[in-house]
PDB file of N, CA and C in Angstrom:
ATOM      1  N   THR A   1      76.550 156.222 130.173  1.00  0.00           N
ATOM      2  CA  THR A   1      76.438 157.617 129.805  1.00  0.00           C
ATOM      3  C   THR A   1      75.645 158.427 130.824  1.00  0.00           C
ATOM      4  N   GLY A   2      74.902 157.771 131.665  1.00  0.00           N
ATOM      5  CA  GLY A   2      74.028 158.468 132.590  1.00  0.00           C
ATOM      6  C   GLY A   2      72.733 158.913 131.936  1.00  0.00           C
ATOM      7  N   ASN A   3      72.528 158.571 130.673  1.00  0.00           N
ATOM      8  CA  ASN A   3      71.316 158.934 129.952  1.00  0.00           C
ATOM      9  C   ASN A   3      70.168 158.047 130.430  1.00  0.00           C
ATOM     10  N   THR A   4      69.122 158.678 130.918  1.00  0.00           N
ATOM     11  CA  THR A   4      68.007 157.935 131.487  1.00  0.00           C
ATOM     12  C   THR A   4      67.313 157.037 130.463  1.00  0.00           C
ATOM     13  N   GLU A   5      67.189 157.512 129.236  1.00  0.00           N
ATOM     14  CA  GLU A   5      66.534 156.703 128.219  1.00  0.00           C
ATOM     15  C   GLU A   5      67.355 155.460 127.873  1.00  0.00           C
ATOM     16  N   PHE A   6      68.685 155.597 127.918  1.00  0.00           N
ATOM     17  CA  PHE A   6      69.543 154.428 127.713  1.00  0.00           C
ATOM     18  C   PHE A   6      69.407 153.448 128.876  1.00  0.00           C
ATOM     19  N   MET A   7      69.288 153.984 130.089  1.00  0.00           N
ATOM     20  CA  MET A   7      69.094 153.113 131.260  1.00  0.00           C
ATOM     21  C   MET A   7      67.800 152.330 131.127  1.00  0.00           C
ATOM     22  N   ASP A   8      66.744 152.987 130.667  1.00  0.00           N
ATOM     23  CA  ASP A   8      65.472 152.290 130.469  1.00  0.00           C
ATOM     24  C   ASP A   8      65.591 151.195 129.416  1.00  0.00           C
ATOM     25  N   ALA A   9      66.288 151.505 128.332  1.00  0.00           N
ATOM     26  CA  ALA A   9      66.477 150.503 127.279  1.00  0.00           C
ATOM     27  C   ALA A   9      67.273 149.312 127.802  1.00  0.00           C
ATOM     28  N   LEU A  10      68.283 149.596 128.593  1.00  0.00           N
ATOM     29  CA  LEU A  10      69.073 148.515 129.173  1.00  0.00           C
ATOM     30  C   LEU A  10      68.230 147.697 130.151  1.00  0.00           C
ATOM     31  N   ALA A  11      67.405 148.362 130.942  1.00  0.00           N
ATOM     32  CA  ALA A  11      66.528 147.644 131.871  1.00  0.00           C
ATOM     33  C   ALA A  11      65.596 146.706 131.115  1.00  0.00           C
ATOM     34  N   GLU A  12      65.045 147.182 130.017  1.00  0.00           N
ATOM     35  CA  GLU A  12      64.164 146.334 129.216  1.00  0.00           C
ATOM     36  C   GLU A  12      64.919 145.136 128.642  1.00  0.00           C
ATOM     37  N   THR A  13      66.124 145.378 128.170  1.00  0.00           N
ATOM     38  CA  THR A  13      66.953 144.288 127.640  1.00  0.00           C
ATOM     39  C   THR A  13      67.270 143.272 128.730  1.00  0.00           C
ATOM     40  N   LEU A  14      67.645 143.751 129.900  1.00  0.00           N
ATOM     41  CA  LEU A  14      67.943 142.854 131.017  1.00  0.00           C
ATOM     42  C   LEU A  14      66.716 142.034 131.402  1.00  0.00           C
ATOM     43  N   GLU A  15      65.573 142.666 131.398  1.00  0.00           N
ATOM     44  CA  GLU A  15      64.333 141.965 131.713  1.00  0.00           C
ATOM     45  C   GLU A  15      64.079 140.858 130.687  1.00  0.00           C
ATOM     46  N   GLN A  16      64.269 141.178 129.402  1.00  0.00           N
ATOM     47  CA  GLN A  16      64.063 140.191 128.341  1.00  0.00           C
ATOM     48  C   GLN A  16      65.070 139.051 128.415  1.00  0.00           C
ATOM     49  N   GLN A  17      66.238 139.330 128.981  1.00  0.00           N
ATOM     50  CA  GLN A  17      67.267 138.296 129.136  1.00  0.00           C
ATOM     51  C   GLN A  17      67.046 137.451 130.386  1.00  0.00           C
ATOM     52  N   GLY A  18      65.962 137.703 131.097  1.00  0.00           N
ATOM     53  CA  GLY A  18      65.669 136.935 132.302  1.00  0.00           C
ATOM     54  C   GLY A  18      66.502 137.347 133.502  1.00  0.00           C
ATOM     55  N   LYS A  19      66.852 138.625 133.573  1.00  0.00           N
ATOM     56  CA  LYS A  19      67.642 139.153 134.682  1.00  0.00           C
ATOM     57  C   LYS A  19      66.832 140.230 135.409  1.00  0.00           C
ATOM     58  N   PRO A  20      65.759 139.802 136.092  1.00  0.00           N
ATOM     59  CA  PRO A  20      64.851 140.780 136.698  1.00  0.00           C
ATOM     60  C   PRO A  20      65.496 141.642 137.781  1.00  0.00           C
ATOM     61  N   ASP A  21      66.402 141.083 138.555  1.00  0.00           N
ATOM     62  CA  ASP A  21      67.042 141.874 139.607  1.00  0.00           C
ATOM     63  C   ASP A  21      67.914 142.981 139.026  1.00  0.00           C
ATOM     64  N   GLU A  22      68.657 142.657 137.982  1.00  0.00           N
ATOM     65  CA  GLU A  22      69.492 143.669 137.322  1.00  0.00           C
ATOM     66  C   GLU A  22      68.618 144.718 136.646  1.00  0.00           C
ATOM     67  N   ALA A  23      67.504 144.266 136.067  1.00  0.00           N
ATOM     68  CA  ALA A  23      66.578 145.199 135.416  1.00  0.00           C
ATOM     69  C   ALA A  23      65.998 146.165 136.454  1.00  0.00           C
ATOM     70  N   LYS A  24      65.586 145.639 137.601  1.00  0.00           N
ATOM     71  CA  LYS A  24      65.033 146.497 138.661  1.00  0.00           C
ATOM     72  C   LYS A  24      66.059 147.503 139.149  1.00  0.00           C
ATOM     73  N   ALA A  25      67.293 147.080 139.254  1.00  0.00           N
ATOM     74  CA  ALA A  25      68.353 147.995 139.694  1.00  0.00           C
ATOM     75  C   ALA A  25      68.549 149.114 138.676  1.00  0.00           C
ATOM     76  N   MET A  26      68.487 148.783 137.404  1.00  0.00           N
ATOM     77  CA  MET A  26      68.653 149.805 136.369  1.00  0.00           C
ATOM     78  C   MET A  26      67.461 150.749 136.348  1.00  0.00           C
ATOM     79  N   VAL A  27      66.263 150.215 136.551  1.00  0.00           N
ATOM     80  CA  VAL A  27      65.066 151.057 136.632  1.00  0.00           C
ATOM     81  C   VAL A  27      65.197 152.028 137.806  1.00  0.00           C
ATOM     82  N   ALA A  28      65.698 151.541 138.916  1.00  0.00           N
ATOM     83  CA  ALA A  28      65.878 152.400 140.088  1.00  0.00           C
ATOM     84  C   ALA A  28      66.894 153.508 139.809  1.00  0.00           C
ATOM     85  N   ARG A  29      67.974 153.177 139.103  1.00  0.00           N
ATOM     86  CA  ARG A  29      68.971 154.208 138.734  1.00  0.00           C
ATOM     87  C   ARG A  29      68.350 155.255 137.819  1.00  0.00           C
ATOM     88  N   ALA A  30      67.582 154.791 136.850  1.00  0.00           N
ATOM     89  CA  ALA A  30      66.923 155.727 135.931  1.00  0.00           C
ATOM     90  C   ALA A  30      65.931 156.596 136.690  1.00  0.00           C
ATOM     91  N   ARG A  31      65.160 155.995 137.585  1.00  0.00           N
ATOM     92  CA  ARG A  31      64.172 156.752 138.363  1.00  0.00           C
ATOM     93  C   ARG A  31      64.863 157.838 139.189  1.00  0.00           C
ATOM     94  N   ALA A  32      65.965 157.492 139.824  1.00  0.00           N
ATOM     95  CA  ALA A  32      66.693 158.480 140.629  1.00  0.00           C
ATOM     96  C   ALA A  32      67.190 159.637 139.765  1.00  0.00           C
ATOM     97  N   ALA A  33      67.680 159.320 138.588  1.00  0.00           N
ATOM     98  CA  ALA A  33      68.154 160.369 137.676  1.00  0.00           C
ATOM     99  C   ALA A  33      66.991 161.229 137.187  1.00  0.00           C
ATOM    100  N   TYR A  34      65.877 160.594 136.848  1.00  0.00           N
ATOM    101  CA  TYR A  34      64.701 161.355 136.429  1.00  0.00           C
ATOM    102  C   TYR A  34      64.202 162.253 137.562  1.00  0.00           C
ATOM    103  N   ASP A  35      64.157 161.709 138.773  1.00  0.00           N
ATOM    104  CA  ASP A  35      63.691 162.506 139.909  1.00  0.00           C
ATOM    105  C   ASP A  35      64.529 163.763 140.080  1.00  0.00           C
ATOM    106  N   GLU A  36      65.829 163.612 139.943  1.00  0.00           N
ATOM    107  CA  GLU A  36      66.724 164.769 140.066  1.00  0.00           C
ATOM    108  C   GLU A  36      66.455 165.787 138.949  1.00  0.00           C
ATOM    109  N   ARG A  37      66.293 165.289 137.758  1.00  0.00           N
ATOM    110  CA  ARG A  37      66.027 166.193 136.622  1.00  0.00           C
ATOM    111  C   ARG A  37      64.661 166.858 136.742  1.00  0.00           C
ATOM    112  N   LEU A  38      63.686 166.115 137.258  1.00  0.00           N
ATOM    113  CA  LEU A  38      62.357 166.692 137.450  1.00  0.00           C
ATOM    114  C   LEU A  38      62.383 167.820 138.474  1.00  0.00           C
ATOM    115  N   LYS A  39      63.233 167.698 139.475  1.00  0.00           N
ATOM    116  CA  LYS A  39      63.381 168.773 140.463  1.00  0.00           C
ATOM    117  C   LYS A  39      64.020 170.003 139.835  1.00  0.00           C
ATOM    118  N   GLN A  40      65.035 169.785 139.025  1.00  0.00           N
ATOM    119  CA  GLN A  40      65.797 170.894 138.454  1.00  0.00           C
ATOM    120  C   GLN A  40      65.112 171.533 137.250  1.00  0.00           C
ATOM    121  N   PHE A  41      64.618 170.703 136.344  1.00  0.00           N
ATOM    122  CA  PHE A  41      64.082 171.197 135.075  1.00  0.00           C
ATOM    123  C   PHE A  41      62.794 170.448 134.711  1.00  0.00           C
ATOM    124  N   PRO A  42      61.724 170.638 135.459  1.00  0.00           N
ATOM    125  CA  PRO A  42      60.518 169.831 135.200  1.00  0.00           C
ATOM    126  C   PRO A  42      59.978 169.955 133.779  1.00  0.00           C
ATOM    127  N   GLU A  43      59.868 171.177 133.272  1.00  0.00           N
ATOM    128  CA  GLU A  43      59.291 171.358 131.943  1.00  0.00           C
ATOM    129  C   GLU A  43      60.121 170.679 130.855  1.00  0.00           C
ATOM    130  N   ALA A  44      61.418 170.644 131.044  1.00  0.00           N
ATOM    131  CA  ALA A  44      62.299 170.023 130.055  1.00  0.00           C
ATOM    132  C   ALA A  44      62.353 168.502 130.212  1.00  0.00           C
ATOM    133  N   THR A  45      61.881 167.997 131.341  1.00  0.00           N
ATOM    134  CA  THR A  45      62.005 166.565 131.632  1.00  0.00           C
ATOM    135  C   THR A  45      60.716 165.795 131.405  1.00  0.00           C
ATOM    136  N   TRP A  46      59.573 166.426 131.559  1.00  0.00           N
ATOM    137  CA  TRP A  46      58.304 165.699 131.469  1.00  0.00           C
ATOM    138  C   TRP A  46      58.205 164.820 130.236  1.00  0.00           C
ATOM    139  N   GLY A  47      58.473 165.365 129.080  1.00  0.00           N
ATOM    140  CA  GLY A  47      58.346 164.588 127.843  1.00  0.00           C
ATOM    141  C   GLY A  47      59.279 163.396 127.785  1.00  0.00           C
ATOM    142  N   HIS A  48      60.465 163.546 128.348  1.00  0.00           N
ATOM    143  CA  HIS A  48      61.438 162.452 128.344  1.00  0.00           C
ATOM    144  C   HIS A  48      61.100 161.393 129.394  1.00  0.00           C
ATOM    145  N   ALA A  49      60.534 161.820 130.504  1.00  0.00           N
ATOM    146  CA  ALA A  49      60.243 160.903 131.608  1.00  0.00           C
ATOM    147  C   ALA A  49      58.976 160.084 131.374  1.00  0.00           C
ATOM    148  N   LEU A  50      58.131 160.533 130.487  1.00  0.00           N
ATOM    149  CA  LEU A  50      56.845 159.872 130.286  1.00  0.00           C
ATOM    150  C   LEU A  50      56.964 158.390 129.969  1.00  0.00           C
ATOM    151  N   ASP A  51      57.807 158.036 129.031  1.00  0.00           N
ATOM    152  CA  ASP A  51      57.936 156.619 128.664  1.00  0.00           C
ATOM    153  C   ASP A  51      58.379 155.778 129.855  1.00  0.00           C
ATOM    154  N   HIS A  52      59.301 156.325 130.651  1.00  0.00           N
ATOM    155  CA  HIS A  52      59.746 155.604 131.850  1.00  0.00           C
ATOM    156  C   HIS A  52      58.564 155.367 132.787  1.00  0.00           C
ATOM    157  N   TRP A  53      57.805 156.424 133.049  1.00  0.00           N
ATOM    158  CA  TRP A  53      56.685 156.285 133.982  1.00  0.00           C
ATOM    159  C   TRP A  53      55.619 155.357 133.431  1.00  0.00           C
ATOM    160  N   LEU A  54      55.365 155.423 132.145  1.00  0.00           N
ATOM    161  CA  LEU A  54      54.362 154.544 131.561  1.00  0.00           C
ATOM    162  C   LEU A  54      54.792 153.084 131.609  1.00  0.00           C
ATOM    163  N   ARG A  55      56.072 152.831 131.479  1.00  0.00           N
ATOM    164  CA  ARG A  55      56.575 151.449 131.452  1.00  0.00           C
ATOM    165  C   ARG A  55      56.844 150.892 132.843  1.00  0.00           C
ATOM    166  N   TRP A  56      57.441 151.721 133.711  1.00  0.00           N
ATOM    167  CA  TRP A  56      57.970 151.194 134.960  1.00  0.00           C
ATOM    168  C   TRP A  56      57.322 151.751 136.236  1.00  0.00           C
ATOM    169  N   GLU A  57      56.662 152.875 136.141  1.00  0.00           N
ATOM    170  CA  GLU A  57      56.195 153.561 137.343  1.00  0.00           C
ATOM    171  C   GLU A  57      54.671 153.677 137.346  1.00  0.00           C
ATOM    172  N   ASP A  58      54.169 154.662 138.052  1.00  0.00           N
ATOM    173  CA  ASP A  58      52.744 154.882 138.235  1.00  0.00           C
ATOM    174  C   ASP A  58      52.135 155.574 137.013  1.00  0.00           C
ATOM    175  N   PRO A  59      51.209 154.911 136.319  1.00  0.00           N
ATOM    176  CA  PRO A  59      50.594 155.529 135.143  1.00  0.00           C
ATOM    177  C   PRO A  59      49.846 156.834 135.463  1.00  0.00           C
ATOM    178  N   ALA A  60      49.286 156.946 136.660  1.00  0.00           N
ATOM    179  CA  ALA A  60      48.594 158.183 137.028  1.00  0.00           C
ATOM    180  C   ALA A  60      49.574 159.354 137.087  1.00  0.00           C
ATOM    181  N   GLU A  61      50.770 159.106 137.585  1.00  0.00           N
ATOM    182  CA  GLU A  61      51.806 160.145 137.591  1.00  0.00           C
ATOM    183  C   GLU A  61      52.239 160.465 136.163  1.00  0.00           C
ATOM    184  N   ALA A  62      52.297 159.441 135.329  1.00  0.00           N
ATOM    185  CA  ALA A  62      52.642 159.662 133.922  1.00  0.00           C
ATOM    186  C   ALA A  62      51.598 160.550 133.260  1.00  0.00           C
ATOM    187  N   LEU A  63      50.335 160.329 133.582  1.00  0.00           N
ATOM    188  CA  LEU A  63      49.274 161.146 133.001  1.00  0.00           C
ATOM    189  C   LEU A  63      49.420 162.607 133.437  1.00  0.00           C
ATOM    190  N   GLU A  64      49.748 162.823 134.697  1.00  0.00           N
ATOM    191  CA  GLU A  64      49.969 164.196 135.167  1.00  0.00           C
ATOM    192  C   GLU A  64      51.080 164.868 134.365  1.00  0.00           C
ATOM    193  N   MET A  65      52.173 164.147 134.166  1.00  0.00           N
ATOM    194  CA  MET A  65      53.280 164.691 133.376  1.00  0.00           C
ATOM    195  C   MET A  65      52.850 164.951 131.938  1.00  0.00           C
ATOM    196  N   ALA A  66      52.107 164.015 131.370  1.00  0.00           N
ATOM    197  CA  ALA A  66      51.672 164.157 129.981  1.00  0.00           C
ATOM    198  C   ALA A  66      50.769 165.373 129.810  1.00  0.00           C
ATOM    199  N   GLU A  67      49.894 165.592 130.770  1.00  0.00           N
ATOM    200  CA  GLU A  67      49.004 166.757 130.694  1.00  0.00           C
ATOM    201  C   GLU A  67      49.793 168.056 130.793  1.00  0.00           C
ATOM    202  N   LYS A  68      50.742 168.104 131.713  1.00  0.00           N
ATOM    203  CA  LYS A  68      51.578 169.306 131.857  1.00  0.00           C
ATOM    204  C   LYS A  68      52.424 169.531 130.610  1.00  0.00           C
ATOM    205  N   ASN A  69      53.008 168.464 130.103  1.00  0.00           N
ATOM    206  CA  ASN A  69      53.845 168.562 128.911  1.00  0.00           C
ATOM    207  C   ASN A  69      53.018 169.047 127.719  1.00  0.00           C
ATOM    208  N   HIS A  70      51.823 168.498 127.566  1.00  0.00           N
ATOM    209  CA  HIS A  70      50.950 168.883 126.465  1.00  0.00           C
ATOM    210  C   HIS A  70      50.518 170.342 126.590  1.00  0.00           C
ATOM    211  N   LYS A  71      50.270 170.779 127.807  1.00  0.00           N
ATOM    212  CA  LYS A  71      49.876 172.182 128.020  1.00  0.00           C
ATOM    213  C   LYS A  71      51.013 173.116 127.592  1.00  0.00           C
ATOM    214  N   ASN A  72      52.248 172.728 127.900  1.00  0.00           N
ATOM    215  CA  ASN A  72      53.402 173.562 127.544  1.00  0.00           C
ATOM    216  C   ASN A  72      53.737 173.523 126.060  1.00  0.00           C
ATOM    217  N   ARG A  73      53.593 172.382 125.452  1.00  0.00           N
ATOM    218  CA  ARG A  73      53.892 172.239 124.027  1.00  0.00           C
ATOM    219  C   ARG A  73      52.869 171.306 123.384  1.00  0.00           C
ATOM    220  N   PRO A  74      51.768 171.858 122.936  1.00  0.00           N
ATOM    221  CA  PRO A  74      50.685 171.025 122.386  1.00  0.00           C
ATOM    222  C   PRO A  74      50.958 170.541 120.959  1.00  0.00           C
ATOM    223  N   ASN A  75      52.118 169.929 120.783  1.00  0.00           N
ATOM    224  CA  ASN A  75      52.485 169.419 119.458  1.00  0.00           C
ATOM    225  C   ASN A  75      52.094 167.948 119.317  1.00  0.00           C
ATOM    226  N   GLY A  76      52.353 167.389 118.171  1.00  0.00           N
ATOM    227  CA  GLY A  76      51.978 166.006 117.897  1.00  0.00           C
ATOM    228  C   GLY A  76      52.616 165.007 118.839  1.00  0.00           C
ATOM    229  N   ASP A  77      53.880 165.200 119.136  1.00  0.00           N
ATOM    230  CA  ASP A  77      54.578 164.278 120.032  1.00  0.00           C
ATOM    231  C   ASP A  77      53.961 164.308 121.431  1.00  0.00           C
ATOM    232  N   ALA A  78      53.662 165.502 121.924  1.00  0.00           N
ATOM    233  CA  ALA A  78      53.048 165.636 123.251  1.00  0.00           C
ATOM    234  C   ALA A  78      51.640 165.048 123.258  1.00  0.00           C
ATOM    235  N   LYS A  79      50.915 165.232 122.161  1.00  0.00           N
ATOM    236  CA  LYS A  79      49.568 164.656 122.069  1.00  0.00           C
ATOM    237  C   LYS A  79      49.624 163.127 122.056  1.00  0.00           C
ATOM    238  N   LEU A  80      50.589 162.586 121.337  1.00  0.00           N
ATOM    239  CA  LEU A  80      50.738 161.132 121.300  1.00  0.00           C
ATOM    240  C   LEU A  80      51.046 160.589 122.688  1.00  0.00           C
ATOM    241  N   ALA A  81      51.933 161.245 123.404  1.00  0.00           N
ATOM    242  CA  ALA A  81      52.261 160.820 124.775  1.00  0.00           C
ATOM    243  C   ALA A  81      51.034 160.935 125.680  1.00  0.00           C
ATOM    244  N   LEU A  82      50.270 162.002 125.513  1.00  0.00           N
ATOM    245  CA  LEU A  82      49.051 162.177 126.302  1.00  0.00           C
ATOM    246  C   LEU A  82      48.065 161.049 126.018  1.00  0.00           C
ATOM    247  N   ALA A  83      47.900 160.717 124.760  1.00  0.00           N
ATOM    248  CA  ALA A  83      46.980 159.624 124.399  1.00  0.00           C
ATOM    249  C   ALA A  83      47.437 158.300 124.997  1.00  0.00           C
ATOM    250  N   ARG A  84      48.728 158.047 124.964  1.00  0.00           N
ATOM    251  CA  ARG A  84      49.246 156.801 125.566  1.00  0.00           C
ATOM    252  C   ARG A  84      48.963 156.768 127.067  1.00  0.00           C
ATOM    253  N   ALA A  85      49.184 157.893 127.724  1.00  0.00           N
ATOM    254  CA  ALA A  85      48.950 157.956 129.169  1.00  0.00           C
ATOM    255  C   ALA A  85      47.468 157.796 129.482  1.00  0.00           C
ATOM    256  N   LEU A  86      46.612 158.449 128.718  1.00  0.00           N
ATOM    257  CA  LEU A  86      45.168 158.300 128.923  1.00  0.00           C
ATOM    258  C   LEU A  86      44.751 156.844 128.768  1.00  0.00           C
ATOM    259  N   ALA A  87      45.259 156.189 127.746  1.00  0.00           N
ATOM    260  CA  ALA A  87      44.925 154.781 127.516  1.00  0.00           C
ATOM    261  C   ALA A  87      45.423 153.906 128.663  1.00  0.00           C
ATOM    262  N   LYS A  88      46.601 154.201 129.149  1.00  0.00           N
ATOM    263  CA  LYS A  88      47.200 153.389 130.217  1.00  0.00           C
ATOM    264  C   LYS A  88      46.376 153.437 131.503  1.00  0.00           C
ATOM    265  N   VAL A  89      45.744 154.585 131.768  1.00  0.00           N
ATOM    266  CA  VAL A  89      44.919 154.688 132.978  1.00  0.00           C
ATOM    267  C   VAL A  89      43.455 154.328 132.716  1.00  0.00           C
ATOM    268  N   GLY A  90      43.157 153.843 131.506  1.00  0.00           N
ATOM    269  CA  GLY A  90      41.818 153.364 131.210  1.00  0.00           C
ATOM    270  C   GLY A  90      40.865 154.398 130.638  1.00  0.00           C
ATOM    271  N   ARG A  91      41.357 155.562 130.316  1.00  0.00           N
ATOM    272  CA  ARG A  91      40.510 156.611 129.741  1.00  0.00           C
ATOM    273  C   ARG A  91      40.599 156.526 128.209  1.00  0.00           C
ATOM    274  N   VAL A  92      40.129 155.405 127.702  1.00  0.00           N
ATOM    275  CA  VAL A  92      40.307 155.041 126.302  1.00  0.00           C
ATOM    276  C   VAL A  92      39.569 155.980 125.357  1.00  0.00           C
ATOM    277  N   ASP A  93      38.342 156.368 125.689  1.00  0.00           N
ATOM    278  CA  ASP A  93      37.598 157.267 124.804  1.00  0.00           C
ATOM    279  C   ASP A  93      38.321 158.601 124.640  1.00  0.00           C
ATOM    280  N   GLU A  94      38.864 159.128 125.728  1.00  0.00           N
ATOM    281  CA  GLU A  94      39.623 160.372 125.656  1.00  0.00           C
ATOM    282  C   GLU A  94      40.893 160.178 124.818  1.00  0.00           C
ATOM    283  N   ALA A  95      41.528 159.035 124.994  1.00  0.00           N
ATOM    284  CA  ALA A  95      42.735 158.736 124.211  1.00  0.00           C
ATOM    285  C   ALA A  95      42.402 158.694 122.724  1.00  0.00           C
ATOM    286  N   ARG A  96      41.284 158.101 122.385  1.00  0.00           N
ATOM    287  CA  ARG A  96      40.861 158.038 120.975  1.00  0.00           C
ATOM    288  C   ARG A  96      40.668 159.439 120.391  1.00  0.00           C
ATOM    289  N   LYS A  97      40.075 160.333 121.172  1.00  0.00           N
ATOM    290  CA  LYS A  97      39.849 161.705 120.699  1.00  0.00           C
ATOM    291  C   LYS A  97      41.175 162.412 120.437  1.00  0.00           C
ATOM    292  N   VAL A  98      42.134 162.223 121.339  1.00  0.00           N
ATOM    293  CA  VAL A  98      43.446 162.854 121.155  1.00  0.00           C
ATOM    294  C   VAL A  98      44.138 162.265 119.934  1.00  0.00           C
ATOM    295  N   VAL A  99      44.050 160.970 119.758  1.00  0.00           N
ATOM    296  CA  VAL A  99      44.655 160.331 118.584  1.00  0.00           C
ATOM    297  C   VAL A  99      44.013 160.856 117.301  1.00  0.00           C
ATOM    298  N   ALA A 100      42.710 161.048 117.322  1.00  0.00           N
ATOM    299  CA  ALA A 100      42.030 161.585 116.134  1.00  0.00           C
ATOM    300  C   ALA A 100      42.554 162.984 115.798  1.00  0.00           C
ATOM    301  N   GLU A 101      42.823 163.789 116.821  1.00  0.00           N
ATOM    302  CA  GLU A 101      43.411 165.114 116.590  1.00  0.00           C
ATOM    303  C   GLU A 101      44.775 164.991 115.910  1.00  0.00           C
ATOM    304  N   VAL A 102      45.568 164.052 116.398  1.00  0.00           N
ATOM    305  CA  VAL A 102      46.905 163.868 115.831  1.00  0.00           C
ATOM    306  C   VAL A 102      46.812 163.347 114.398  1.00  0.00           C
ATOM    307  N   GLN A 103      45.895 162.432 114.169  1.00  0.00           N
ATOM    308  CA  GLN A 103      45.742 161.888 112.820  1.00  0.00           C
ATOM    309  C   GLN A 103      45.338 162.959 111.812  1.00  0.00           C
ATOM    310  N   ALA A 104      44.667 163.989 112.284  1.00  0.00           N
ATOM    311  CA  ALA A 104      44.245 165.079 111.404  1.00  0.00           C
ATOM    312  C   ALA A 104      45.341 166.117 111.199  1.00  0.00           C
ATOM    313  N   SER A 105      46.479 165.892 111.821  1.00  0.00           N
ATOM    314  CA  SER A 105      47.584 166.848 111.741  1.00  0.00           C
ATOM    315  C   SER A 105      48.714 166.301 110.872  1.00  0.00           C
ATOM    316  N   PRO A 106      49.687 167.150 110.557  1.00  0.00           N
ATOM    317  CA  PRO A 106      50.853 166.673 109.802  1.00  0.00           C
ATOM    318  C   PRO A 106      51.710 165.665 110.585  1.00  0.00           C
ATOM    319  N   PHE A 107      51.477 165.513 111.883  1.00  0.00           N
ATOM    320  CA  PHE A 107      52.263 164.603 112.709  1.00  0.00           C
ATOM    321  C   PHE A 107      51.750 163.166 112.630  1.00  0.00           C
ATOM    322  N   ASN A 108      50.894 162.849 111.712  1.00  0.00           N
ATOM    323  CA  ASN A 108      50.311 161.512 111.613  1.00  0.00           C
ATOM    324  C   ASN A 108      51.386 160.501 111.210  1.00  0.00           C
ATOM    325  N   THR A 109      52.073 159.970 112.208  1.00  0.00           N
ATOM    326  CA  THR A 109      53.202 159.067 112.013  1.00  0.00           C
ATOM    327  C   THR A 109      52.774 157.604 112.167  1.00  0.00           C
ATOM    328  N   PRO A 110      53.651 156.659 111.851  1.00  0.00           N
ATOM    329  CA  PRO A 110      53.326 155.248 112.083  1.00  0.00           C
ATOM    330  C   PRO A 110      53.005 154.938 113.549  1.00  0.00           C
ATOM    331  N   GLU A 111      53.645 155.641 114.472  1.00  0.00           N
ATOM    332  CA  GLU A 111      53.359 155.431 115.890  1.00  0.00           C
ATOM    333  C   GLU A 111      51.925 155.810 116.219  1.00  0.00           C
ATOM    334  N   VAL A 112      51.450 156.861 115.582  1.00  0.00           N
ATOM    335  CA  VAL A 112      50.061 157.294 115.779  1.00  0.00           C
ATOM    336  C   VAL A 112      49.107 156.231 115.236  1.00  0.00           C
ATOM    337  N   ALA A 113      49.400 155.722 114.046  1.00  0.00           N
ATOM    338  CA  ALA A 113      48.565 154.672 113.455  1.00  0.00           C
ATOM    339  C   ALA A 113      48.552 153.422 114.322  1.00  0.00           C
ATOM    340  N   GLU A 114      49.694 153.088 114.889  1.00  0.00           N
ATOM    341  CA  GLU A 114      49.780 151.911 115.766  1.00  0.00           C
ATOM    342  C   GLU A 114      48.914 152.091 117.013  1.00  0.00           C
ATOM    343  N   LEU A 115      48.986 153.261 117.630  1.00  0.00           N
ATOM    344  CA  LEU A 115      48.171 153.512 118.819  1.00  0.00           C
ATOM    345  C   LEU A 115      46.689 153.552 118.444  1.00  0.00           C
ATOM    346  N   ALA A 116      46.356 154.151 117.310  1.00  0.00           N
ATOM    347  CA  ALA A 116      44.957 154.198 116.864  1.00  0.00           C
ATOM    348  C   ALA A 116      44.400 152.781 116.691  1.00  0.00           C
ATOM    349  N   ALA A 117      45.193 151.903 116.094  1.00  0.00           N
ATOM    350  CA  ALA A 117      44.747 150.511 115.900  1.00  0.00           C
ATOM    351  C   ALA A 117      44.571 149.804 117.244  1.00  0.00           C
ATOM    352  N   GLU A 118      45.507 150.055 118.151  1.00  0.00           N
ATOM    353  CA  GLU A 118      45.404 149.442 119.486  1.00  0.00           C
ATOM    354  C   GLU A 118      44.142 149.915 120.199  1.00  0.00           C
ATOM    355  N   LEU A 119      43.864 151.201 120.114  1.00  0.00           N
ATOM    356  CA  LEU A 119      42.693 151.762 120.789  1.00  0.00           C
ATOM    357  C   LEU A 119      41.387 151.290 120.125  1.00  0.00           C
ATOM    358  N   LYS A 120      41.426 151.099 118.816  1.00  0.00           N
ATOM    359  CA  LYS A 120      40.244 150.611 118.098  1.00  0.00           C
ATOM    360  C   LYS A 120      39.900 149.199 118.537  1.00  0.00           C
ATOM    361  N   ALA A 121      40.917 148.409 118.844  1.00  0.00           N
ATOM    362  CA  ALA A 121      40.716 147.025 119.253  1.00  0.00           C
ATOM    363  C   ALA A 121      40.157 146.908 120.673  1.00  0.00           C
ATOM    364  N   ARG A 122      40.216 147.977 121.423  1.00  0.00           N
ATOM    365  CA  ARG A 122      39.724 147.925 122.828  1.00  0.00           C
ATOM    366  C   ARG A 122      38.238 148.121 122.904  1.00  0.00           C
TER     367      ARG A 122
END
């Protein structure tokens, strides 16, 4: 389909199947597609690209995207992504504060609870 999120899911599946070369090739295809979209429509792409960057690319770049995305749309989903990025780069206390904000909002989803538990264990 050319959908970057599907490419990432396929890369993860290939990796789990013990096909690292195929997984790397799929990650590279997804990265190229994300790069093109980031050039054309950065504000519309940041939120979608975050998971890719957190999983496969540079977490510091993911944090930059998460901060920009959160600034543009400070909703629960953007806050959750920001907290994940903060945690990934080792800024755990800041991630905990963002998670606490989300937990106090109507966006308090199971994903938020899962991240809160993970951060509590650190």
